[in-house]
C-alpha atoms as a PDB file:
ATOM      1  CA  GLN A   1     -29.908  -3.941  14.215  1.00  0.00           C
ATOM      2  CA  THR A   2     -28.195  -1.565  11.774  1.00  0.00           C
ATOM      3  CA  TRP A   3     -25.516  -0.826  14.347  1.00  0.00           C
ATOM      4  CA  ASN A   4     -24.763  -4.516  14.740  1.00  0.00           C
ATOM      5  CA  ALA A   5     -24.479  -4.934  10.982  1.00  0.00           C
ATOM      6  CA  LEU A   6     -22.015  -2.036  10.651  1.00  0.00           C
ATOM      7  CA  GLN A   7     -20.003  -2.697  13.788  1.00  0.00           C
ATOM      8  CA  ARG A   8     -16.305  -3.329  12.961  1.00  0.00           C
ATOM      9  CA  ARG A   9     -16.994  -3.264   9.197  1.00  0.00           C
ATOM     10  CA  HIS A  10     -15.419   0.164   8.630  1.00  0.00           C
ATOM     11  CA  LEU A  11     -12.451   1.074  10.814  1.00  0.00           C
ATOM     12  CA  LEU A  12     -10.118   4.054  11.197  1.00  0.00           C
ATOM     13  CA  TRP A  13      -7.061   3.423  13.374  1.00  0.00           C
ATOM     14  CA  LEU A  14      -3.780   5.041  14.368  1.00  0.00           C
ATOM     15  CA  ALA A  15      -0.751   2.732  14.314  1.00  0.00           C
ATOM     16  CA  THR A  16       2.488   3.456  16.121  1.00  0.00           C
ATOM     17  CA  SER A  17       5.608   1.382  16.627  1.00  0.00           C
ATOM     18  CA  SER A  18       4.271   0.401  20.056  1.00  0.00           C
ATOM     19  CA  ASN A  19       0.803  -0.796  18.982  1.00  0.00           C
ATOM     20  CA  VAL A  20       1.062  -2.031  15.378  1.00  0.00           C
ATOM     21  CA  SER A  21       1.802  -5.633  16.377  1.00  0.00           C
ATOM     22  CA  GLU A  22      -1.214  -5.803  18.691  1.00  0.00           C
ATOM     23  CA  MET A  23      -3.422  -4.209  16.031  1.00  0.00           C
ATOM     24  CA  MET A  24      -2.408  -6.777  13.421  1.00  0.00           C
ATOM     25  CA  THR A  25      -3.095  -9.617  15.848  1.00  0.00           C
ATOM     26  CA  MET A  26      -6.608  -8.235  16.380  1.00  0.00           C
ATOM     27  CA  LEU A  27      -7.300  -7.720  12.668  1.00  0.00           C
ATOM     28  CA  LYS A  28      -5.772 -10.855  11.179  1.00  0.00           C
ATOM     29  CA  ASP A  29      -8.479 -13.310  10.193  1.00  0.00           C
ATOM     30  CA  ASP A  30     -11.279 -10.924  11.331  1.00  0.00           C
ATOM     31  CA  PRO A  31     -14.191 -11.539   8.920  1.00  0.00           C
ATOM     32  CA  ALA A  32     -16.109  -8.427  10.043  1.00  0.00           C
ATOM     33  CA  VAL A  33     -13.662  -5.834   8.633  1.00  0.00           C
ATOM     34  CA  HIS A  34     -14.445  -4.629   5.109  1.00  0.00           C
ATOM     35  CA  THR A  35     -12.855  -1.188   4.876  1.00  0.00           C
ATOM     36  CA  LEU A  36      -9.861  -0.022   6.851  1.00  0.00           C
ATOM     37  CA  THR A  37      -7.909   3.217   7.094  1.00  0.00           C
ATOM     38  CA  ILE A  38      -4.732   3.297   9.147  1.00  0.00           C
ATOM     39  CA  HIS A  39      -2.717   6.420   9.885  1.00  0.00           C
ATOM     40  CA  CYS A  40       0.818   5.411  10.846  1.00  0.00           C
ATOM     41  CA  LYS A  41       3.319   7.259  12.969  1.00  0.00           C
ATOM     42  CA  ASP A  42       6.996   6.266  13.146  1.00  0.00           C
ATOM     43  CA  ILE A  43       6.505   2.579  12.316  1.00  0.00           C
ATOM     44  CA  LYS A  44       9.564   2.161  10.034  1.00  0.00           C
ATOM     45  CA  ASP A  45      10.237  -1.056   8.087  1.00  0.00           C
ATOM     46  CA  GLY A  46       9.410  -3.390  10.957  1.00  0.00           C
ATOM     47  CA  GLY A  47       5.945  -1.912  11.256  1.00  0.00           C
ATOM     48  CA  ALA A  48       5.508  -2.065   7.491  1.00  0.00           C
ATOM     49  CA  ARG A  49       6.261  -5.782   7.569  1.00  0.00           C
ATOM     50  CA  GLN A  50       3.651  -6.192  10.292  1.00  0.00           C
ATOM     51  CA  LEU A  51       1.075  -4.253   8.253  1.00  0.00           C
ATOM     52  CA  ALA A  52       1.526  -6.765   5.429  1.00  0.00           C
ATOM     53  CA  VAL A  53      -0.480  -9.189   7.607  1.00  0.00           C
ATOM     54  CA  LEU A  54      -3.535  -7.251   6.414  1.00  0.00           C
ATOM     55  CA  LYS A  55      -3.478  -9.504   3.350  1.00  0.00           C
ATOM     56  CA  ASP A  56      -4.987 -12.146   5.633  1.00  0.00           C
ATOM     57  CA  VAL A  57      -8.084 -10.135   6.634  1.00  0.00           C
ATOM     58  CA  PRO A  58     -10.645 -12.289   4.778  1.00  0.00           C
ATOM     59  CA  SER A  59     -13.346  -9.689   3.991  1.00  0.00           C
ATOM     60  CA  LEU A  60     -11.132  -6.637   3.479  1.00  0.00           C
ATOM     61  CA  THR A  61     -12.126  -4.912   0.243  1.00  0.00           C
ATOM     62  CA  SER A  62     -10.669  -1.424   0.718  1.00  0.00           C
ATOM     63  CA  LEU A  63      -7.442  -0.412   2.475  1.00  0.00           C
ATOM     64  CA  ARG A  64      -5.914   3.039   2.939  1.00  0.00           C
ATOM     65  CA  LEU A  65      -2.488   3.290   4.557  1.00  0.00           C
ATOM     66  CA  HIS A  66      -1.119   6.719   5.456  1.00  0.00           C
ATOM     67  CA  LEU A  67       2.628   6.315   5.965  1.00  0.00           C
ATOM     68  CA  LYS A  68       3.995   9.785   5.258  1.00  0.00           C
ATOM     69  CA  GLN A  69       7.456  10.279   6.819  1.00  0.00           C
ATOM     70  CA  ASN A  70       7.746   6.890   8.501  1.00  0.00           C
ATOM     71  CA  ARG A  71      11.354   6.140   7.447  1.00  0.00           C
ATOM     72  CA  ILE A  72      10.270   3.204   5.300  1.00  0.00           C
ATOM     73  CA  ASN A  73      12.765   1.898   2.755  1.00  0.00           C
ATOM     74  CA  GLU A  74      13.070  -1.038   0.346  1.00  0.00           C
ATOM     75  CA  HIS A  75      12.174  -3.678   2.918  1.00  0.00           C
ATOM     76  CA  GLY A  76       8.944  -1.957   3.858  1.00  0.00           C
ATOM     77  CA  ALA A  77       7.987  -1.522   0.207  1.00  0.00           C
ATOM     78  CA  GLU A  78       8.656  -5.234  -0.388  1.00  0.00           C
ATOM     79  CA  ALA A  79       6.325  -6.075   2.496  1.00  0.00           C
ATOM     80  CA  PHE A  80       3.474  -4.050   0.962  1.00  0.00           C
ATOM     81  CA  ALA A  81       3.755  -6.054  -2.262  1.00  0.00           C
ATOM     82  CA  ALA A  82       2.255  -8.971  -0.293  1.00  0.00           C
ATOM     83  CA  LEU A  83      -1.074  -7.104  -0.238  1.00  0.00           C
ATOM     84  CA  LYS A  84      -1.654  -8.423  -3.762  1.00  0.00           C
ATOM     85  CA  GLU A  85      -2.610 -11.691  -2.058  1.00  0.00           C
ATOM     86  CA  ALA A  86      -5.581 -10.193  -0.174  1.00  0.00           C
ATOM     87  CA  PRO A  87      -8.521 -12.377  -1.240  1.00  0.00           C
ATOM     88  CA  LEU A  88     -11.190  -9.667  -1.758  1.00  0.00           C
ATOM     89  CA  MET A  89      -9.298  -6.367  -1.970  1.00  0.00           C
ATOM     90  CA  THR A  90     -10.527  -4.160  -4.801  1.00  0.00           C
ATOM     91  CA  ALA A  91      -9.169  -0.768  -3.648  1.00  0.00           C
ATOM     92  CA  LEU A  92      -5.744   0.033  -2.212  1.00  0.00           C
ATOM     93  CA  SER A  93      -4.227   3.408  -1.383  1.00  0.00           C
ATOM     94  CA  ILE A  94      -0.736   3.681   0.111  1.00  0.00           C
ATOM     95  CA  ASN A  95       0.742   7.080   0.925  1.00  0.00           C
ATOM     96  CA  LEU A  96       4.518   6.619   1.191  1.00  0.00           C
ATOM     97  CA  GLU A  97       5.356  10.290   0.723  1.00  0.00           C
ATOM     98  CA  ARG A  98       8.763  11.414   2.024  1.00  0.00           C
ATOM     99  CA  ASN A  99      10.168   8.042   2.997  1.00  0.00           C
ATOM    100  CA  GLN A 100      13.391   6.387   1.801  1.00  0.00           C
ATOM    101  CA  ILE A 101      12.154   4.192  -1.026  1.00  0.00           C
ATOM    102  CA  LYS A 102      14.494   3.577  -3.941  1.00  0.00           C
ATOM    103  CA  ASP A 103      14.104   1.781  -7.269  1.00  0.00           C
ATOM    104  CA  HIS A 104      14.129  -1.732  -5.801  1.00  0.00           C
ATOM    105  CA  GLY A 105      11.198  -0.802  -3.546  1.00  0.00           C
ATOM    106  CA  ALA A 106       9.320   0.638  -6.518  1.00  0.00           C
ATOM    107  CA  GLY A 107       9.887  -2.640  -8.359  1.00  0.00           C
ATOM    108  CA  ALA A 108       8.438  -4.527  -5.401  1.00  0.00           C
ATOM    109  CA  LEU A 109       5.354  -2.274  -5.333  1.00  0.00           C
ATOM    110  CA  ALA A 110       4.898  -2.908  -9.053  1.00  0.00           C
ATOM    111  CA  MET A 111       4.142  -6.534  -8.146  1.00  0.00           C
ATOM    112  CA  LEU A 112       0.734  -5.305  -6.976  1.00  0.00           C
ATOM    113  CA  LYS A 113      -0.225  -5.672 -10.651  1.00  0.00           C
ATOM    114  CA  HIS A 114      -0.603  -9.396  -9.989  1.00  0.00           C
ATOM    115  CA  SER A 115      -3.674  -8.865  -7.818  1.00  0.00           C
ATOM    116  CA  HIS A 116      -6.614 -10.398  -9.662  1.00  0.00           C
ATOM    117  CA  LEU A 117      -9.343  -8.272  -8.071  1.00  0.00           C
ATOM    118  CA  MET A 118      -7.669  -4.863  -7.607  1.00  0.00           C
ATOM    119  CA  GLN A 119      -9.712  -2.250  -9.453  1.00  0.00           C
ATOM    120  CA  THR A 120      -8.333   0.938  -7.898  1.00  0.00           C
ATOM    121  CA  LEU A 121      -4.716   1.534  -6.893  1.00  0.00           C
ATOM    122  CA  SER A 122      -3.203   4.765  -5.600  1.00  0.00           C
ATOM    123  CA  LEU A 123       0.481   5.045  -4.680  1.00  0.00           C
ATOM    124  CA  ASN A 124       1.979   8.278  -3.396  1.00  0.00           C
ATOM    125  CA  LEU A 125       5.760   7.979  -3.678  1.00  0.00           C
ATOM    126  CA  SER A 126       6.440  11.707  -3.716  1.00  0.00           C
ATOM    127  CA  GLY A 127       9.726  12.781  -2.172  1.00  0.00           C
ATOM    128  CA  ASN A 128      11.495   9.425  -2.199  1.00  0.00           C
ATOM    129  CA  GLN A 129      14.670   8.395  -4.043  1.00  0.00           C
ATOM    130  CA  LEU A 130      13.273   7.043  -7.302  1.00  0.00           C
ATOM    131  CA  THR A 131      14.998   7.248 -10.677  1.00  0.00           C
ATOM    132  CA  ASP A 132      13.936   6.207 -14.169  1.00  0.00           C
ATOM    133  CA  LYS A 133      14.509   2.542 -13.308  1.00  0.00           C
ATOM    134  CA  GLY A 134      11.963   2.580 -10.473  1.00  0.00           C
ATOM    135  CA  VAL A 135       9.446   4.550 -12.507  1.00  0.00           C
ATOM    136  CA  GLN A 136       9.787   2.116 -15.404  1.00  0.00           C
ATOM    137  CA  ALA A 137       8.921  -0.701 -13.000  1.00  0.00           C
ATOM    138  CA  LEU A 138       5.897   1.219 -11.699  1.00  0.00           C
ATOM    139  CA  ALA A 139       4.773   1.880 -15.270  1.00  0.00           C
ATOM    140  CA  THR A 140       4.155  -1.862 -15.635  1.00  0.00           C
ATOM    141  CA  LEU A 141       1.170  -1.409 -13.307  1.00  0.00           C
ATOM    142  CA  LYS A 142      -0.665  -0.257 -16.445  1.00  0.00           C
ATOM    143  CA  GLU A 143      -0.585  -3.916 -17.550  1.00  0.00           C
ATOM    144  CA  ALA A 144      -2.808  -5.052 -14.674  1.00  0.00           C
ATOM    145  CA  SER A 145      -5.935  -6.413 -16.313  1.00  0.00           C
ATOM    146  CA  SER A 146      -8.229  -5.794 -13.345  1.00  0.00           C
ATOM    147  CA  LEU A 147      -7.205  -2.166 -12.709  1.00  0.00           C
ATOM    148  CA  SER A 148      -9.664   0.454 -13.885  1.00  0.00           C
ATOM    149  CA  ALA A 149      -8.063   3.349 -11.962  1.00  0.00           C
ATOM    150  CA  LEU A 150      -4.366   3.924 -11.276  1.00  0.00           C
ATOM    151  CA  SER A 151      -2.918   6.979  -9.552  1.00  0.00           C
ATOM    152  CA  LEU A 152       0.834   7.489  -9.091  1.00  0.00           C
ATOM    153  CA  ASN A 153       2.249  10.570  -7.368  1.00  0.00           C
ATOM    154  CA  LEU A 154       5.950  10.639  -8.224  1.00  0.00           C
ATOM    155  CA  GLN A 155       6.839  14.295  -7.757  1.00  0.00           C
ATOM    156  CA  TYR A 156      10.108  15.287  -6.065  1.00  0.00           C
ATOM    157  CA  ASN A 157      12.059  12.252  -7.275  1.00  0.00           C
ATOM    158  CA  SER A 158      14.956  12.061  -9.750  1.00  0.00           C
ATOM    159  CA  ILE A 159      12.935  11.104 -12.802  1.00  0.00           C
ATOM    160  CA  GLY A 160      14.265  11.822 -16.280  1.00  0.00           C
ATOM    161  CA  MET A 161      12.954  11.370 -19.789  1.00  0.00           C
ATOM    162  CA  GLY A 162      13.200   7.567 -19.620  1.00  0.00           C
ATOM    163  CA  GLY A 163      10.815   7.452 -16.671  1.00  0.00           C
ATOM    164  CA  ALA A 164       8.481   9.974 -18.247  1.00  0.00           C
ATOM    165  CA  ARG A 165       8.330   7.960 -21.490  1.00  0.00           C
ATOM    166  CA  ALA A 166       7.529   4.773 -19.575  1.00  0.00           C
ATOM    167  CA  LEU A 167       4.540   6.467 -17.964  1.00  0.00           C
ATOM    168  CA  ALA A 168       3.207   7.938 -21.207  1.00  0.00           C
END
């Protein structure tokens, strides 16, 4: 009976450019999934847009996306901003280390502050192409009323004093 209760509630998957579309079709509207971790390999912006469908998983409360070195740029970052619409999500972690995200993409990710239930948010944007402008946009995440924990990894970007002040 315990096995039946836990079945499909907590998933760990590997997404590639060849299977991400099928995975999203399986997950979309699945009420059994509560926590989900997806390790992604070479999915690029098209795959990122497909992953945004996760906002429609009705019982999803925790999502971890590992997207290190997936050649994701502004368009992929914009797609992830849609996750703010997930109806029950309280924890979100997106590792976008060593991609091609610039300031506009950081501004799009800052829109996650409009999630009404998000309590924990972790964004790893290390090794992208961010400047003070993008960091200033990300600093507005501090304004999110529901967030109790915010983690931003911004190392190896072109951040100056203006970005540092915004984060202080």
